[in-house]
Amino acid sequence: MKASSIATKLFSQREKINDLGIRVILVPFFGIAIPLLTRMVPHNQFTNWEIKLSYLYTILIAFVIYEGSRFLHFTLRTYFDWFNKPVKKIVALVITIPFFCVPVSMLMLVGWYHLFMNGIVDWKTVKLTSLIILIAVFFLVNLYETVFLIRDLANDRVTQEQLERAKAEAELEALKNQIDPHFIFNSLNTLSHLIDDKPEKARLFNDNLADVYRYILQNKARDLVLLREEVNFLESYFLLLKIRFENAVQMQITIPEEALDQYLVPPISLQILAENAIKHNEFSEASPLLFKVEIKNEELIIYNPVRKKTLRRASSRIGLQNLKERYKLITSREITIKEEEKDFTVILPVLKIT
């Protein structure tokens, strides 16, 4: 479909408005009320049928003026709008509406005098009636513009929300896609190290790696998982670490059994923090690295001691940054990172299942 046809279709959809009430009630009301106000129809001189026919004719005038003004108004909306060209919009309405309404009103009113008053035209009444019709038309135009303005503001708000949501989803998808290469890169490095130093453990590591990566693939498309699933995944990941580092790494999880099925967290959150602790700290069997996870006041508290490792190149900290941004996009909450001289603590808010 061409861009112009898409634009036309969108515009036509935006311009649709349910104004049946105006056509059925308000227009006939003006068609009767204005002649009554100007006393154009001499009730004391006309028969009942003449009065009825007179008002049918004035209602016809109201419909002709209304439909013509409505067409002009909708046409002008294709060229001017209040947001981008408010002054030009006002000038266009002030010029075009009177140039249509006044001549047509006077012509049809003169026609009424020829039909019902033997061609004797009361020009004073014609001018007054035309002026009131013009005022009524501007009232209706203002009513339409108010309805359109409110609707356009609502549409713009919805559109903006949709754009922000689409942007957030795109950002979240990009962050999820960063998890795979980051995890695979580190795992392959570990496997390479085992093949060289401990080939008998390389096969065991490879088997466990398949289970861990299966969890990543299964939950990559999910925004939230049960805390139990995430803790089980962390334990599986820690088995990989134990294969390589044996007793040099330890983990302590202090979470009540019932809490595991009561809370949700973004997937692969704890693994990133465990990986971060291993990457940035020195440890050995004589001085093992303890990775602790506990829950307090609907917050996961993840702790490890700080024993800074000298890295050959500065860390990009992509893991922590990824976690912060994913948490904010998924939960609209911020994680807390406390890096002190001896302790490194990360606090992750969890979502309670309602």
Protein backbone atom coordinates (compact mmCIF):
# COMPACT_ATOMS: atom_id res chain seq x y z
CA MET A 1 0.00 0.00 0.00
CA LYS A 2 1.37 3.41 -0.95
CA ALA A 3 2.20 5.97 1.74
CA SER A 4 -0.38 8.43 0.39
CA SER A 5 -3.19 5.86 0.55
CA ILE A 6 -2.14 4.90 4.08
CA ALA A 7 -2.20 8.56 5.12
CA THR A 8 -5.64 9.02 3.53
CA LYS A 9 -6.97 5.96 5.29
CA LEU A 10 -5.59 7.08 8.63
CA PHE A 11 -7.02 10.56 8.16
CA SER A 12 -10.46 9.24 7.24
CA GLN A 13 -10.42 7.08 10.32
CA ARG A 14 -9.44 10.01 12.52
CA GLU A 15 -12.15 12.26 11.01
CA LYS A 16 -15.01 9.87 11.69
CA ILE A 17 -17.18 11.24 14.43
CA ASN A 18 -20.56 10.19 15.72
CA ASP A 19 -22.59 13.39 15.27
CA LEU A 20 -25.97 11.72 14.76
CA GLY A 21 -27.31 13.51 17.83
CA ILE A 22 -26.47 16.90 16.31
CA ARG A 23 -28.18 16.02 13.04
CA VAL A 24 -31.31 14.55 14.64
CA ILE A 25 -31.77 16.97 17.53
CA LEU A 26 -29.65 20.11 17.36
CA VAL A 27 -30.07 21.01 13.68
CA PRO A 28 -33.90 20.75 13.70
CA PHE A 29 -33.88 22.68 16.97
CA PHE A 30 -32.04 25.57 15.34
CA GLY A 31 -34.34 25.27 12.31
CA ILE A 32 -37.33 25.99 14.57
CA ALA A 33 -35.79 28.16 17.29
CA ILE A 34 -34.21 30.79 15.02
CA PRO A 35 -37.45 31.64 13.13
CA LEU A 36 -39.26 31.76 16.48
CA LEU A 37 -36.62 34.09 17.87
CA THR A 38 -36.85 36.46 14.90
CA ARG A 39 -40.65 36.04 14.60
CA MET A 40 -40.20 35.34 10.92
CA VAL A 41 -43.27 33.07 10.73
CA PRO A 42 -46.51 35.04 11.39
CA HIS A 43 -48.53 32.46 13.31
CA ASN A 44 -51.61 34.69 13.47
CA GLN A 45 -51.73 34.97 9.66
CA PHE A 46 -50.99 31.33 8.71
CA THR A 47 -53.08 28.21 8.85
CA ASN A 48 -51.78 25.19 10.75
CA TRP A 49 -50.58 23.60 7.53
CA GLU A 50 -48.77 26.77 6.45
CA ILE A 51 -47.05 26.97 9.85
CA LYS A 52 -45.96 23.33 9.60
CA LEU A 53 -44.70 23.76 6.04
CA SER A 54 -42.91 27.00 7.01
CA TYR A 55 -40.98 25.23 9.76
CA LEU A 56 -40.20 22.29 7.51
CA TYR A 57 -38.66 24.78 5.10
CA THR A 58 -36.63 26.50 7.87
CA ILE A 59 -35.44 23.08 9.09
CA LEU A 60 -34.35 22.39 5.51
CA ILE A 61 -32.40 25.67 5.59
CA ALA A 62 -30.76 24.52 8.83
CA PHE A 63 -29.77 21.19 7.27
CA VAL A 64 -28.35 22.82 4.11
CA ILE A 65 -26.31 25.30 6.16
CA TYR A 66 -25.20 22.58 8.57
CA GLU A 67 -24.10 20.10 5.90
CA GLY A 68 -22.27 22.75 3.90
CA SER A 69 -20.51 24.15 6.96
CA ARG A 70 -19.63 20.66 8.13
CA PHE A 71 -18.10 19.84 4.75
CA LEU A 72 -16.07 23.08 4.79
CA HIS A 73 -14.94 22.47 8.35
CA PHE A 74 -13.80 18.92 7.66
CA THR A 75 -12.04 20.02 4.48
CA LEU A 76 -10.15 22.74 6.34
CA ARG A 77 -8.96 20.18 8.88
CA THR A 78 -6.94 18.51 6.13
CA TYR A 79 -4.89 21.69 5.74
CA PHE A 80 -4.84 23.30 9.18
CA ASP A 81 -4.88 22.06 12.76
CA TRP A 82 -4.78 23.72 16.16
CA PHE A 83 -1.42 22.26 17.11
CA ASN A 84 0.67 23.30 14.11
CA LYS A 85 -1.24 26.19 12.47
CA PRO A 86 -3.69 27.68 15.01
CA VAL A 87 -3.70 31.23 13.58
CA LYS A 88 -4.19 30.07 9.99
CA LYS A 89 -6.94 27.75 11.16
CA ILE A 90 -8.87 30.62 12.81
CA VAL A 91 -8.39 32.91 9.80
CA ALA A 92 -9.57 30.17 7.42
CA LEU A 93 -12.69 29.50 9.49
CA VAL A 94 -13.53 33.20 9.87
CA ILE A 95 -13.24 33.76 6.10
CA THR A 96 -14.81 30.63 4.62
CA ILE A 97 -17.74 29.97 6.96
CA PRO A 98 -19.40 33.44 6.58
CA PHE A 99 -18.80 33.43 2.81
CA PHE A 100 -20.82 30.24 2.61
CA CYS A 101 -23.42 30.73 5.34
CA VAL A 102 -24.53 34.32 4.72
CA PRO A 103 -25.26 34.12 0.94
CA VAL A 104 -26.91 30.69 1.18
CA SER A 105 -28.96 31.70 4.22
CA MET A 106 -30.19 34.93 2.60
CA LEU A 107 -30.96 33.16 -0.70
CA MET A 108 -33.01 30.45 0.97
CA LEU A 109 -34.76 32.93 3.28
CA VAL A 110 -35.77 35.03 0.27
CA GLY A 111 -37.08 31.80 -1.25
CA TRP A 112 -39.22 31.31 1.87
CA TYR A 113 -40.74 34.77 1.43
CA HIS A 114 -41.54 33.98 -2.18
CA LEU A 115 -43.24 30.72 -1.19
CA PHE A 116 -45.17 31.89 1.87
CA MET A 117 -45.33 35.71 1.73
CA ASN A 118 -46.12 36.30 -1.97
CA GLY A 119 -42.60 37.58 -2.63
CA ILE A 120 -42.78 40.43 -0.06
CA VAL A 121 -39.33 40.21 1.58
CA ASP A 122 -38.69 41.64 5.06
CA TRP A 123 -35.01 42.41 4.62
CA LYS A 124 -34.53 43.39 8.24
CA THR A 125 -35.71 39.94 9.35
CA VAL A 126 -33.63 38.27 6.63
CA LYS A 127 -30.47 40.04 7.83
CA LEU A 128 -31.17 39.32 11.51
CA THR A 129 -31.96 35.66 10.81
CA SER A 130 -28.82 35.27 8.67
CA LEU A 131 -26.72 36.78 11.47
CA ILE A 132 -28.20 34.40 14.06
CA ILE A 133 -27.63 31.46 11.69
CA LEU A 134 -23.99 32.50 11.34
CA ILE A 135 -23.61 32.67 15.11
CA ALA A 136 -25.22 29.22 15.43
CA VAL A 137 -22.85 27.82 12.81
CA PHE A 138 -19.81 29.19 14.66
CA PHE A 139 -21.21 27.62 17.83
CA LEU A 140 -21.41 24.23 16.08
CA VAL A 141 -17.94 24.65 14.59
CA ASN A 142 -16.58 25.40 18.05
CA LEU A 143 -18.40 22.32 19.38
CA TYR A 144 -16.83 20.14 16.69
CA GLU A 145 -13.39 21.61 17.26
CA THR A 146 -13.67 20.94 20.99
CA VAL A 147 -14.65 17.32 20.35
CA PHE A 148 -11.83 16.89 17.81
CA LEU A 149 -9.30 18.55 20.11
CA ILE A 150 -10.19 16.31 23.04
CA ARG A 151 -10.11 13.23 20.82
CA ASP A 152 -6.82 14.22 19.17
CA LEU A 153 -5.22 14.79 22.56
CA ALA A 154 -6.44 11.38 23.70
CA ASN A 155 -5.20 9.78 20.45
CA ASP A 156 -1.83 11.48 20.77
CA ARG A 157 -1.53 10.27 24.35
CA VAL A 158 -2.38 6.70 23.33
CA THR A 159 0.03 6.92 20.38
CA GLN A 160 2.79 8.25 22.63
CA GLU A 161 2.19 5.45 25.13
CA GLN A 162 2.28 2.89 22.32
CA LEU A 163 5.53 4.35 21.00
CA GLU A 164 7.08 4.35 24.47
CA ARG A 165 5.93 0.79 25.03
CA ALA A 166 7.33 -0.31 21.65
CA LYS A 167 10.60 1.43 22.44
CA ALA A 168 10.77 -0.23 25.85
CA GLU A 169 10.03 -3.64 24.32
CA ALA A 170 12.73 -3.11 21.69
CA GLU A 171 15.22 -2.06 24.36
CA LEU A 172 14.29 -5.04 26.51
CA GLU A 173 14.68 -7.42 23.57
CA ALA A 174 18.11 -5.94 22.84
CA LEU A 175 19.11 -6.43 26.47
CA LYS A 176 17.88 -10.03 26.42
CA ASN A 177 19.92 -10.66 23.28
CA GLN A 178 23.03 -9.43 25.11
CA ILE A 179 22.67 -12.21 27.68
CA ASP A 180 23.43 -15.07 25.28
CA PRO A 181 26.78 -13.96 23.86
CA HIS A 182 27.94 -12.71 27.26
CA PHE A 183 27.17 -16.03 28.97
CA ILE A 184 28.46 -18.18 26.09
CA PHE A 185 31.71 -16.22 25.87
CA ASN A 186 32.51 -16.79 29.55
CA SER A 187 31.38 -20.43 29.48
CA LEU A 188 33.55 -21.23 26.47
CA ASN A 189 36.51 -19.60 28.19
CA THR A 190 35.89 -21.80 31.22
CA LEU A 191 35.51 -24.92 29.08
CA SER A 192 38.75 -24.09 27.27
CA HIS A 193 40.50 -23.73 30.62
CA LEU A 194 39.19 -27.12 31.80
CA ILE A 195 40.18 -28.89 28.59
CA ASP A 196 43.75 -27.74 29.10
CA ASP A 197 44.04 -28.22 32.88
CA LYS A 198 41.40 -30.80 33.85
CA PRO A 199 40.21 -32.70 30.79
CA GLU A 200 38.36 -35.28 32.92
CA LYS A 201 36.07 -32.52 34.17
CA ALA A 202 35.55 -30.87 30.79
CA ARG A 203 32.90 -33.44 29.77
CA LEU A 204 31.02 -33.02 33.06
CA PHE A 205 31.13 -29.24 32.64
CA ASN A 206 29.85 -29.54 29.07
CA ASP A 207 26.88 -31.67 30.18
CA ASN A 208 25.91 -29.22 32.91
CA LEU A 209 26.40 -26.31 30.55
CA ALA A 210 23.72 -27.76 28.26
CA ASP A 211 21.22 -27.82 31.13
CA VAL A 212 22.05 -24.26 32.12
CA TYR A 213 21.83 -22.94 28.59
CA ARG A 214 18.48 -24.72 28.11
CA TYR A 215 17.09 -22.59 30.94
CA ILE A 216 18.34 -19.44 29.22
CA LEU A 217 16.71 -20.40 25.94
CA GLN A 218 13.41 -21.39 27.57
CA ASN A 219 13.11 -18.20 29.60
CA LYS A 220 14.69 -15.67 27.28
CA ALA A 221 11.31 -14.56 25.96
CA ARG A 222 9.78 -14.27 29.43
CA ASP A 223 9.89 -11.08 31.42
CA LEU A 224 9.40 -12.70 34.83
CA VAL A 225 9.91 -16.14 36.34
CA LEU A 226 9.15 -17.68 39.71
CA LEU A 227 11.83 -17.10 42.31
CA ARG A 228 12.04 -20.90 42.70
CA GLU A 229 12.96 -21.28 39.00
CA GLU A 230 15.61 -18.61 39.27
CA VAL A 231 17.12 -20.11 42.44
CA ASN A 232 17.20 -23.58 40.85
CA PHE A 233 18.95 -22.10 37.83
CA LEU A 234 21.47 -20.35 40.09
CA GLU A 235 22.23 -23.68 41.80
CA SER A 236 22.74 -25.35 38.42
CA TYR A 237 25.05 -22.53 37.35
CA PHE A 238 26.98 -22.81 40.60
CA LEU A 239 27.59 -26.48 39.85
CA LEU A 240 29.55 -25.32 36.80
CA LEU A 241 31.62 -23.05 39.02
CA LYS A 242 32.22 -25.88 41.49
CA ILE A 243 33.47 -28.11 38.67
CA ARG A 244 36.12 -25.57 37.81
CA PHE A 245 36.96 -23.97 41.15
CA GLU A 246 35.93 -26.78 43.52
CA ASN A 247 35.91 -25.53 47.12
CA ALA A 248 37.23 -22.09 46.21
CA VAL A 249 33.66 -20.93 45.66
CA GLN A 250 30.76 -21.37 48.04
CA MET A 251 27.13 -20.35 48.02
CA GLN A 252 24.64 -19.78 50.79
CA ILE A 253 20.94 -19.30 49.98
CA THR A 254 18.68 -18.25 52.86
CA ILE A 255 15.18 -18.09 51.44
CA PRO A 256 12.12 -19.65 53.14
CA GLU A 257 10.58 -22.47 51.13
CA GLU A 258 7.19 -20.78 50.93
CA ALA A 259 8.71 -17.57 49.54
CA LEU A 260 10.08 -19.37 46.47
CA ASP A 261 6.58 -19.67 44.98
CA GLN A 262 5.32 -16.26 46.13
CA TYR A 263 7.62 -13.93 44.19
CA LEU A 264 8.68 -13.18 40.62
CA VAL A 265 11.98 -11.86 39.29
CA PRO A 266 13.40 -11.18 35.83
CA PRO A 267 15.14 -14.35 34.57
CA ILE A 268 18.92 -14.78 34.73
CA SER A 269 19.25 -12.02 37.36
CA LEU A 270 21.07 -14.02 40.04
CA GLN A 271 23.39 -15.74 37.57
CA ILE A 272 24.64 -12.37 36.32
CA LEU A 273 25.50 -11.34 39.89
CA ALA A 274 27.26 -14.64 40.59
CA GLU A 275 29.22 -14.30 37.36
CA ASN A 276 30.12 -10.72 38.31
CA ALA A 277 31.43 -11.85 41.72
CA ILE A 278 33.62 -14.53 40.14
CA LYS A 279 34.98 -12.18 37.51
CA HIS A 280 36.03 -9.34 39.80
CA ASN A 281 37.35 -11.07 42.93
CA GLU A 282 40.34 -13.15 44.01
CA PHE A 283 39.59 -16.45 45.75
CA SER A 284 41.17 -19.79 46.56
CA GLU A 285 40.42 -22.94 48.54
CA ALA A 286 42.24 -21.40 51.48
CA SER A 287 40.19 -18.21 51.15
CA PRO A 288 36.96 -19.15 49.35
CA LEU A 289 34.55 -16.67 47.86
CA LEU A 290 31.16 -16.81 49.59
CA PHE A 291 28.15 -15.79 47.50
CA LYS A 292 25.09 -15.21 49.70
CA VAL A 293 21.44 -14.78 48.71
CA GLU A 294 18.67 -13.96 51.19
CA ILE A 295 15.26 -12.29 51.15
CA LYS A 296 14.07 -9.50 53.45
CA ASN A 297 11.03 -7.24 53.13
CA GLU A 298 10.26 -8.36 49.58
CA GLU A 299 13.84 -7.70 48.47
CA LEU A 300 16.54 -10.12 47.41
CA ILE A 301 19.85 -9.24 49.01
CA ILE A 302 22.88 -10.66 47.21
CA TYR A 303 26.25 -10.33 48.91
CA ASN A 304 29.87 -11.24 48.28
CA PRO A 305 33.12 -10.03 49.88
CA VAL A 306 35.34 -7.66 47.92
CA ARG A 307 38.80 -8.95 47.05
CA LYS A 308 39.49 -7.01 43.91
CA LYS A 309 41.17 -8.90 41.12
CA THR A 310 43.63 -7.11 38.87
CA LEU A 311 42.15 -7.36 35.39
CA ARG A 312 44.22 -7.15 32.24
CA ARG A 313 41.70 -4.73 30.81
CA ALA A 314 39.02 -2.58 32.39
CA SER A 315 35.65 -4.24 32.83
CA SER A 316 32.79 -3.05 30.65
CA ARG A 317 30.35 -3.90 33.50
CA ILE A 318 27.89 -4.91 30.81
CA GLY A 319 26.35 -7.55 33.09
CA LEU A 320 25.36 -5.14 35.87
CA GLN A 321 24.27 -2.47 33.44
CA ASN A 322 22.17 -5.01 31.58
CA LEU A 323 20.54 -6.11 34.83
CA LYS A 324 19.79 -2.54 35.92
CA GLU A 325 18.15 -1.64 32.62
CA ARG A 326 16.15 -4.87 32.36
CA TYR A 327 14.88 -4.47 35.91
CA LYS A 328 13.77 -0.92 35.26
CA LEU A 329 12.01 -1.80 31.98
CA ILE A 330 10.26 -4.90 33.34
CA THR A 331 9.37 -3.89 36.91
CA SER A 332 9.66 -0.07 36.78
CA ARG A 333 11.83 -0.42 39.87
CA GLU A 334 15.47 0.36 40.49
CA ILE A 335 18.01 -2.09 41.84
CA THR A 336 20.40 -0.91 44.55
CA ILE A 337 24.15 -1.51 44.24
CA LYS A 338 26.33 -0.92 47.30
CA GLU A 339 30.05 -1.21 46.65
CA GLU A 340 32.01 -0.74 49.87
CA GLU A 341 35.59 -1.42 50.81
CA LYS A 342 34.98 -4.99 52.03
CA ASP A 343 31.48 -5.81 50.82
CA PHE A 344 29.61 -5.79 47.54
CA THR A 345 25.82 -5.90 47.90
CA VAL A 346 23.05 -5.81 45.34
CA ILE A 347 19.40 -5.44 46.36
CA LEU A 348 16.81 -6.67 43.89
CA PRO A 349 13.12 -5.84 44.48
CA VAL A 350 10.86 -8.85 43.89
CA LEU A 351 7.26 -8.82 42.71
CA LYS A 352 4.73 -10.62 44.85
CA ILE A 353 2.21 -12.83 43.08
CA THR A 354 -1.28 -11.46 43.75
